[in-house]
PDB file of N, CA and C in Angstrom:
ATOM      1  N   UNK A   1       0.952  -1.334  -0.093  1.00  0.00           N
ATOM      2  CA  UNK A   1       0.214   0.311  -0.325  1.00  0.00           C
ATOM      3  C   UNK A   1       0.720   1.120   0.097  1.00  0.00           C
ATOM      4  N   UNK A   2       0.862   2.764  -0.669  1.00  0.00           N
ATOM      5  CA  UNK A   2       1.662   3.272  -0.870  1.00  0.00           C
ATOM      6  C   UNK A   2       0.787   4.284   0.290  1.00  0.00           C
ATOM      7  N   UNK A   3       2.260   4.893   0.997  1.00  0.00           N
ATOM      8  CA  UNK A   3       1.659   5.822   2.179  1.00  0.00           C
ATOM      9  C   UNK A   3       1.737   7.355   1.631  1.00  0.00           C
ATOM     10  N   UNK A   4       2.073   7.262   0.515  1.00  0.00           N
ATOM     11  CA  UNK A   4       1.775   8.779   0.183  1.00  0.00           C
ATOM     12  C   UNK A   4       0.609   9.350   0.151  1.00  0.00           C
ATOM     13  N   UNK A   5      -0.853   8.473  -0.043  1.00  0.00           N
ATOM     14  CA  UNK A   5      -2.124   8.945  -0.214  1.00  0.00           C
ATOM     15  C   UNK A   5      -2.633   9.692   1.617  1.00  0.00           C
ATOM     16  N   UNK A   6      -1.408   9.167   2.060  1.00  0.00           N
ATOM     17  CA  UNK A   6      -2.462   9.751   3.308  1.00  0.00           C
ATOM     18  C   UNK A   6      -3.024  11.064   3.285  1.00  0.00           C
ATOM     19  N   UNK A   7      -3.942  11.032   4.410  1.00  0.00           N
ATOM     20  CA  UNK A   7      -4.902  12.195   4.064  1.00  0.00           C
ATOM     21  C   UNK A   7      -4.373  13.263   5.279  1.00  0.00           C
ATOM     22  N   UNK A   8      -4.891  13.953   5.418  1.00  0.00           N
ATOM     23  CA  UNK A   8      -4.349  15.038   6.811  1.00  0.00           C
ATOM     24  C   UNK A   8      -4.678  14.351   8.472  1.00  0.00           C
ATOM     25  N   UNK A   9      -4.581  14.155   9.383  1.00  0.00           N
ATOM     26  CA  UNK A   9      -4.593  13.817  10.177  1.00  0.00           C
ATOM     27  C   UNK A   9      -4.499  12.632  10.162  1.00  0.00           C
ATOM     28  N   UNK A  10      -4.545  11.749   8.984  1.00  0.00           N
ATOM     29  CA  UNK A  10      -4.656  10.444  10.094  1.00  0.00           C
ATOM     30  C   UNK A  10      -3.480   9.503  10.033  1.00  0.00           C
ATOM     31  N   UNK A  11      -3.233   8.451  11.047  1.00  0.00           N
ATOM     32  CA  UNK A  11      -1.731   8.351  11.502  1.00  0.00           C
ATOM     33  C   UNK A  11      -1.401   7.337  10.750  1.00  0.00           C
ATOM     34  N   UNK A  12      -0.140   8.107  10.572  1.00  0.00           N
ATOM     35  CA  UNK A  12       0.975   7.255   9.232  1.00  0.00           C
ATOM     36  C   UNK A  12       1.263   6.262   9.536  1.00  0.00           C
ATOM     37  N   UNK A  13       1.517   5.484   8.627  1.00  0.00           N
ATOM     38  CA  UNK A  13       1.441   3.720   8.756  1.00  0.00           C
ATOM     39  C   UNK A  13       2.704   3.437   8.229  1.00  0.00           C
ATOM     40  N   UNK A  14       4.071   3.017   8.831  1.00  0.00           N
ATOM     41  CA  UNK A  14       5.209   2.466   8.758  1.00  0.00           C
ATOM     42  C   UNK A  14       5.449   1.213   7.942  1.00  0.00           C
ATOM     43  N   UNK A  15       6.510   1.292   7.183  1.00  0.00           N
ATOM     44  CA  UNK A  15       6.262  -0.164   6.425  1.00  0.00           C
ATOM     45  C   UNK A  15       6.193  -1.281   7.347  1.00  0.00           C
ATOM     46  N   UNK A  16       6.689  -1.281   8.598  1.00  0.00           N
ATOM     47  CA  UNK A  16       6.431  -2.309   9.185  1.00  0.00           C
ATOM     48  C   UNK A  16       4.788  -2.684   9.651  1.00  0.00           C
ATOM     49  N   UNK A  17       4.440  -1.308   9.829  1.00  0.00           N
ATOM     50  CA  UNK A  17       2.843  -1.864  10.451  1.00  0.00           C
ATOM     51  C   UNK A  17       2.024  -2.403   9.139  1.00  0.00           C
ATOM     52  N   UNK A  18       2.441  -1.613   7.624  1.00  0.00           N
ATOM     53  CA  UNK A  18       2.213  -2.466   6.357  1.00  0.00           C
ATOM     54  C   UNK A  18       2.217  -3.854   6.142  1.00  0.00           C
ATOM     55  N   UNK A  19       3.238  -4.372   6.766  1.00  0.00           N
ATOM     56  CA  UNK A  19       3.653  -5.297   6.668  1.00  0.00           C
ATOM     57  C   UNK A  19       2.586  -6.674   7.166  1.00  0.00           C
ATOM     58  N   UNK A  20       1.765  -5.748   8.488  1.00  0.00           N
ATOM     59  CA  UNK A  20       0.659  -6.406   8.988  1.00  0.00           C
ATOM     60  C   UNK A  20      -0.391  -6.586   8.522  1.00  0.00           C
ATOM     61  N   UNK A  21      -0.363  -6.245   7.473  1.00  0.00           N
ATOM     62  CA  UNK A  21      -2.254  -5.847   6.210  1.00  0.00           C
ATOM     63  C   UNK A  21      -2.342  -7.033   6.167  1.00  0.00           C
ATOM     64  N   UNK A  22      -2.998  -7.865   6.415  1.00  0.00           N
ATOM     65  CA  UNK A  22      -4.019  -9.227   5.809  1.00  0.00           C
ATOM     66  C   UNK A  22      -4.305  -8.839   4.083  1.00  0.00           C
ATOM     67  N   UNK A  23      -4.729  -8.107   3.726  1.00  0.00           N
ATOM     68  CA  UNK A  23      -5.067  -8.071   2.530  1.00  0.00           C
ATOM     69  C   UNK A  23      -3.927  -7.204   1.295  1.00  0.00           C
ATOM     70  N   UNK A  24      -3.240  -7.977   0.806  1.00  0.00           N
ATOM     71  CA  UNK A  24      -2.033  -7.584  -0.073  1.00  0.00           C
ATOM     72  C   UNK A  24      -2.775  -6.644  -0.814  1.00  0.00           C
ATOM     73  N   UNK A  25      -3.322  -6.880  -1.146  1.00  0.00           N
ATOM     74  CA  UNK A  25      -4.159  -6.376  -2.906  1.00  0.00           C
ATOM     75  C   UNK A  25      -4.719  -4.532  -2.481  1.00  0.00           C
ATOM     76  N   UNK A  26      -4.328  -4.072  -1.167  1.00  0.00           N
ATOM     77  CA  UNK A  26      -4.686  -2.984  -0.412  1.00  0.00           C
ATOM     78  C   UNK A  26      -3.811  -1.403  -1.762  1.00  0.00           C
ATOM     79  N   UNK A  27      -4.509  -0.654  -2.104  1.00  0.00           N
ATOM     80  CA  UNK A  27      -3.344   0.105  -2.913  1.00  0.00           C
ATOM     81  C   UNK A  27      -3.783   1.353  -2.151  1.00  0.00           C
ATOM     82  N   UNK A  28      -4.473   2.029  -1.180  1.00  0.00           N
ATOM     83  CA  UNK A  28      -4.878   3.065  -1.099  1.00  0.00           C
ATOM     84  C   UNK A  28      -5.762   3.140   0.433  1.00  0.00           C
ATOM     85  N   UNK A  29      -5.596   4.549   0.485  1.00  0.00           N
ATOM     86  CA  UNK A  29      -6.270   4.329   2.352  1.00  0.00           C
ATOM     87  C   UNK A  29      -7.974   4.531   1.963  1.00  0.00           C
ATOM     88  N   UNK A  30      -8.592   4.542   1.018  1.00  0.00           N
ATOM     89  CA  UNK A  30      -9.527   4.633   1.030  1.00  0.00           C
ATOM     90  C   UNK A  30     -10.173   3.259   1.082  1.00  0.00           C
ATOM     91  N   UNK A  31      -9.953   2.156   0.234  1.00  0.00           N
ATOM     92  CA  UNK A  31      -9.634   0.605   0.376  1.00  0.00           C
ATOM     93  C   UNK A  31      -9.456   0.120   1.948  1.00  0.00           C
ATOM     94  N   UNK A  32      -8.549   1.020   2.084  1.00  0.00           N
ATOM     95  CA  UNK A  32      -8.244   0.173   3.567  1.00  0.00           C
ATOM     96  C   UNK A  32      -9.874   0.711   4.446  1.00  0.00           C
ATOM     97  N   UNK A  33      -9.611   2.056   4.491  1.00  0.00           N
ATOM     98  CA  UNK A  33     -10.770   2.608   5.291  1.00  0.00           C
ATOM     99  C   UNK A  33     -11.823   1.706   5.149  1.00  0.00           C
ATOM    100  N   UNK A  34     -12.192   1.126   3.902  1.00  0.00           N
ATOM    101  CA  UNK A  34     -14.041   0.445   3.766  1.00  0.00           C
ATOM    102  C   UNK A  34     -13.554  -1.013   4.109  1.00  0.00           C
ATOM    103  N   UNK A  35     -12.116  -1.392   3.995  1.00  0.00           N
ATOM    104  CA  UNK A  35     -11.859  -2.443   4.885  1.00  0.00           C
ATOM    105  C   UNK A  35     -12.356  -2.886   6.362  1.00  0.00           C
ATOM    106  N   UNK A  36     -11.503  -1.258   7.148  1.00  0.00           N
ATOM    107  CA  UNK A  36     -11.905  -1.291   8.256  1.00  0.00           C
ATOM    108  C   UNK A  36     -13.044  -1.213   8.886  1.00  0.00           C
ATOM    109  N   UNK A  37     -14.044  -0.484   8.001  1.00  0.00           N
ATOM    110  CA  UNK A  37     -15.157   0.121   8.629  1.00  0.00           C
ATOM    111  C   UNK A  37     -16.132  -1.329   8.843  1.00  0.00           C
ATOM    112  N   UNK A  38     -16.169  -2.258   7.987  1.00  0.00           N
ATOM    113  CA  UNK A  38     -17.130  -3.050   7.309  1.00  0.00           C
ATOM    114  C   UNK A  38     -15.757  -3.813   9.104  1.00  0.00           C
ATOM    115  N   UNK A  39     -15.273  -3.743   9.079  1.00  0.00           N
ATOM    116  CA  UNK A  39     -14.687  -5.145  10.303  1.00  0.00           C
ATOM    117  C   UNK A  39     -15.046  -4.329  11.844  1.00  0.00           C
ATOM    118  N   UNK A  40     -15.067  -2.618  11.909  1.00  0.00           N
ATOM    119  CA  UNK A  40     -15.560  -1.968  12.911  1.00  0.00           C
ATOM    120  C   UNK A  40     -17.000  -2.307  13.207  1.00  0.00           C
ATOM    121  N   UNK A  41     -18.330  -2.523  11.973  1.00  0.00           N
ATOM    122  CA  UNK A  41     -19.414  -2.853  12.318  1.00  0.00           C
ATOM    123  C   UNK A  41     -19.487  -3.616  12.864  1.00  0.00           C
ATOM    124  N   UNK A  42     -18.508  -5.162  12.337  1.00  0.00           N
ATOM    125  CA  UNK A  42     -18.467  -6.598  13.595  1.00  0.00           C
ATOM    126  C   UNK A  42     -18.616  -6.260  14.443  1.00  0.00           C
ATOM    127  N   UNK A  43     -17.138  -5.417  14.762  1.00  0.00           N
ATOM    128  CA  UNK A  43     -16.783  -5.484  16.176  1.00  0.00           C
ATOM    129  C   UNK A  43     -18.004  -4.641  16.867  1.00  0.00           C
ATOM    130  N   UNK A  44     -18.734  -3.571  16.627  1.00  0.00           N
ATOM    131  CA  UNK A  44     -19.205  -3.101  17.703  1.00  0.00           C
ATOM    132  C   UNK A  44     -20.540  -4.338  17.899  1.00  0.00           C
ATOM    133  N   UNK A  45     -20.837  -4.630  17.005  1.00  0.00           N
ATOM    134  CA  UNK A  45     -22.275  -5.674  17.208  1.00  0.00           C
ATOM    135  C   UNK A  45     -21.650  -6.598  18.230  1.00  0.00           C
ATOM    136  N   UNK A  46     -20.746  -7.343  18.055  1.00  0.00           N
ATOM    137  CA  UNK A  46     -19.938  -8.176  19.104  1.00  0.00           C
ATOM    138  C   UNK A  46     -20.387  -7.150  20.710  1.00  0.00           C
ATOM    139  N   UNK A  47     -19.776  -6.346  20.662  1.00  0.00           N
ATOM    140  CA  UNK A  47     -19.916  -4.849  21.784  1.00  0.00           C
ATOM    141  C   UNK A  47     -21.220  -5.359  22.339  1.00  0.00           C
ATOM    142  N   UNK A  48     -22.090  -4.715  21.611  1.00  0.00           N
ATOM    143  CA  UNK A  48     -23.525  -5.112  22.010  1.00  0.00           C
ATOM    144  C   UNK A  48     -24.014  -5.710  22.738  1.00  0.00           C
ATOM    145  N   UNK A  49     -23.024  -6.739  23.116  1.00  0.00           N
ATOM    146  CA  UNK A  49     -23.965  -8.478  23.344  1.00  0.00           C
ATOM    147  C   UNK A  49     -23.425  -8.037  24.478  1.00  0.00           C
ATOM    148  N   UNK A  50     -22.242  -7.770  24.569  1.00  0.00           N
ATOM    149  CA  UNK A  50     -21.601  -7.602  25.906  1.00  0.00           C
ATOM    150  C   UNK A  50     -22.017  -7.080  27.242  1.00  0.00           C
ATOM    151  N   UNK A  51     -22.361  -8.059  28.472  1.00  0.00           N
ATOM    152  CA  UNK A  51     -22.913  -7.610  29.557  1.00  0.00           C
ATOM    153  C   UNK A  51     -22.088  -7.404  29.918  1.00  0.00           C
ATOM    154  N   UNK A  52     -21.854  -6.824  31.119  1.00  0.00           N
ATOM    155  CA  UNK A  52     -21.111  -6.257  32.294  1.00  0.00           C
ATOM    156  C   UNK A  52     -19.875  -6.599  32.179  1.00  0.00           C
ATOM    157  N   UNK A  53     -19.328  -6.338  31.256  1.00  0.00           N
ATOM    158  CA  UNK A  53     -17.766  -6.460  31.155  1.00  0.00           C
ATOM    159  C   UNK A  53     -16.871  -5.306  31.794  1.00  0.00           C
ATOM    160  N   UNK A  54     -15.682  -5.697  32.310  1.00  0.00           N
ATOM    161  CA  UNK A  54     -15.230  -4.932  32.277  1.00  0.00           C
ATOM    162  C   UNK A  54     -13.884  -3.790  31.831  1.00  0.00           C
ATOM    163  N   UNK A  55     -14.872  -2.976  31.307  1.00  0.00           N
ATOM    164  CA  UNK A  55     -14.034  -2.477  29.765  1.00  0.00           C
ATOM    165  C   UNK A  55     -12.770  -1.240  30.295  1.00  0.00           C
ATOM    166  N   UNK A  56     -12.437  -1.341  31.237  1.00  0.00           N
ATOM    167  CA  UNK A  56     -10.865  -0.329  31.763  1.00  0.00           C
ATOM    168  C   UNK A  56     -10.143  -1.275  31.669  1.00  0.00           C
ATOM    169  N   UNK A  57     -10.148  -2.470  31.626  1.00  0.00           N
ATOM    170  CA  UNK A  57      -9.366  -3.862  31.726  1.00  0.00           C
ATOM    171  C   UNK A  57      -8.315  -3.783  30.281  1.00  0.00           C
ATOM    172  N   UNK A  58      -7.228  -3.878  31.131  1.00  0.00           N
ATOM    173  CA  UNK A  58      -6.218  -3.631  29.500  1.00  0.00           C
ATOM    174  C   UNK A  58      -6.365  -5.214  28.415  1.00  0.00           C
ATOM    175  N   UNK A  59      -7.101  -6.313  29.132  1.00  0.00           N
ATOM    176  CA  UNK A  59      -7.649  -7.278  28.416  1.00  0.00           C
ATOM    177  C   UNK A  59      -8.445  -7.031  27.086  1.00  0.00           C
ATOM    178  N   UNK A  60      -9.669  -6.378  28.419  1.00  0.00           N
ATOM    179  CA  UNK A  60     -10.785  -5.784  27.080  1.00  0.00           C
ATOM    180  C   UNK A  60     -10.432  -5.242  26.293  1.00  0.00           C
ATOM    181  N   UNK A  61      -9.589  -3.755  26.406  1.00  0.00           N
ATOM    182  CA  UNK A  61      -9.583  -2.842  25.420  1.00  0.00           C
ATOM    183  C   UNK A  61      -8.497  -3.850  24.006  1.00  0.00           C
ATOM    184  N   UNK A  62      -7.606  -5.036  24.617  1.00  0.00           N
ATOM    185  CA  UNK A  62      -7.353  -5.181  23.821  1.00  0.00           C
ATOM    186  C   UNK A  62      -8.191  -5.757  22.488  1.00  0.00           C
ATOM    187  N   UNK A  63      -8.424  -7.296  23.283  1.00  0.00           N
ATOM    188  CA  UNK A  63     -10.023  -8.215  22.916  1.00  0.00           C
ATOM    189  C   UNK A  63     -10.906  -7.286  22.255  1.00  0.00           C
ATOM    190  N   UNK A  64     -11.174  -5.820  22.570  1.00  0.00           N
ATOM    191  CA  UNK A  64     -11.611  -5.335  21.360  1.00  0.00           C
ATOM    192  C   UNK A  64     -10.960  -4.839  20.582  1.00  0.00           C
ATOM    193  N   UNK A  65      -9.906  -3.778  20.296  1.00  0.00           N
ATOM    194  CA  UNK A  65      -9.298  -3.894  19.392  1.00  0.00           C
ATOM    195  C   UNK A  65      -9.511  -4.717  18.363  1.00  0.00           C
ATOM    196  N   UNK A  66      -8.957  -6.284  18.887  1.00  0.00           N
ATOM    197  CA  UNK A  66      -8.882  -7.211  17.537  1.00  0.00           C
ATOM    198  C   UNK A  66     -10.138  -7.420  16.888  1.00  0.00           C
ATOM    199  N   UNK A  67     -10.799  -7.269  17.917  1.00  0.00           N
ATOM    200  CA  UNK A  67     -12.698  -7.660  17.235  1.00  0.00           C
ATOM    201  C   UNK A  67     -12.763  -6.727  16.056  1.00  0.00           C
ATOM    202  N   UNK A  68     -12.206  -5.099  17.037  1.00  0.00           N
ATOM    203  CA  UNK A  68     -12.546  -3.786  15.956  1.00  0.00           C
ATOM    204  C   UNK A  68     -11.729  -3.991  14.400  1.00  0.00           C
ATOM    205  N   UNK A  69     -10.499  -4.308  14.732  1.00  0.00           N
ATOM    206  CA  UNK A  69      -9.353  -4.484  12.852  1.00  0.00           C
ATOM    207  C   UNK A  69      -8.456  -5.738  12.689  1.00  0.00           C
ATOM    208  N   UNK A  70      -8.952  -6.916  13.647  1.00  0.00           N
ATOM    209  CA  UNK A  70      -8.055  -7.799  13.318  1.00  0.00           C
ATOM    210  C   UNK A  70      -8.738  -8.776  12.251  1.00  0.00           C
ATOM    211  N   UNK A  71      -9.430  -8.246  11.627  1.00  0.00           N
ATOM    212  CA  UNK A  71      -9.608  -8.845  10.090  1.00  0.00           C
ATOM    213  C   UNK A  71      -8.955  -7.961   8.907  1.00  0.00           C
ATOM    214  N   UNK A  72      -8.608  -7.136   9.287  1.00  0.00           N
ATOM    215  CA  UNK A  72      -7.404  -6.626   8.530  1.00  0.00           C
ATOM    216  C   UNK A  72      -6.252  -6.396   9.051  1.00  0.00           C
ATOM    217  N   UNK A  73      -6.055  -6.465  10.099  1.00  0.00           N
ATOM    218  CA  UNK A  73      -4.721  -5.739  10.328  1.00  0.00           C
ATOM    219  C   UNK A  73      -4.210  -7.460  11.699  1.00  0.00           C
ATOM    220  N   UNK A  74      -2.480  -8.498  10.838  1.00  0.00           N
ATOM    221  CA  UNK A  74      -2.306  -8.921  11.938  1.00  0.00           C
ATOM    222  C   UNK A  74      -2.284  -8.423  13.234  1.00  0.00           C
ATOM    223  N   UNK A  75      -1.687  -7.381  13.601  1.00  0.00           N
ATOM    224  CA  UNK A  75      -1.366  -7.073  14.570  1.00  0.00           C
ATOM    225  C   UNK A  75      -2.483  -6.315  15.713  1.00  0.00           C
ATOM    226  N   UNK A  76      -3.948  -6.353  15.446  1.00  0.00           N
ATOM    227  CA  UNK A  76      -4.875  -5.799  16.426  1.00  0.00           C
ATOM    228  C   UNK A  76      -4.993  -6.459  17.454  1.00  0.00           C
ATOM    229  N   UNK A  77      -5.114  -5.952  18.199  1.00  0.00           N
ATOM    230  CA  UNK A  77      -5.175  -6.612  19.635  1.00  0.00           C
ATOM    231  C   UNK A  77      -3.970  -6.408  20.686  1.00  0.00           C
ATOM    232  N   UNK A  78      -2.750  -5.720  19.934  1.00  0.00           N
ATOM    233  CA  UNK A  78      -1.692  -5.750  20.553  1.00  0.00           C
ATOM    234  C   UNK A  78      -1.645  -4.196  20.682  1.00  0.00           C
ATOM    235  N   UNK A  79      -0.281  -3.626  21.412  1.00  0.00           N
ATOM    236  CA  UNK A  79       0.212  -1.903  21.750  1.00  0.00           C
ATOM    237  C   UNK A  79       0.992  -1.982  20.533  1.00  0.00           C
ATOM    238  N   UNK A  80       0.432  -0.624  19.996  1.00  0.00           N
ATOM    239  CA  UNK A  80       1.763  -0.264  18.962  1.00  0.00           C
ATOM    240  C   UNK A  80       2.987  -0.099  19.761  1.00  0.00           C
ATOM    241  N   UNK A  81       4.628  -0.556  19.060  1.00  0.00           N
ATOM    242  CA  UNK A  81       5.485  -0.567  19.464  1.00  0.00           C
ATOM    243  C   UNK A  81       6.438   1.061  18.833  1.00  0.00           C
ATOM    244  N   UNK A  82       4.901   1.804  17.614  1.00  0.00           N
ATOM    245  CA  UNK A  82       5.726   2.578  17.033  1.00  0.00           C
ATOM    246  C   UNK A  82       4.925   3.597  17.151  1.00  0.00           C
TER     247      UNK A  82
END
C-alpha cells in the first residue's frame, strides 16, 4: 500500500505496520478505510452483546481492538511499538 496518499490527520503507517496488513491487494487509503469500516461494524455488534464487561481492563481493550480491526491487521489487539 502506498503511504503517499495519507490524509491530513490520519495516523501514518510505517513499513512494519503495512507488513501486518492481511490484504496485500490494498493500494489506497480509501480501500483500507472500507475494509476497516466493515470490520468495525462487526466489532460493534460483538460489543453490543457484551454484558457487565470490565471495559477499563487492559484485556478488554485489547480484545475490543482485535474485534474492531483483526480481520484487516495481523497486529490488531496488541499495543503499538511505533
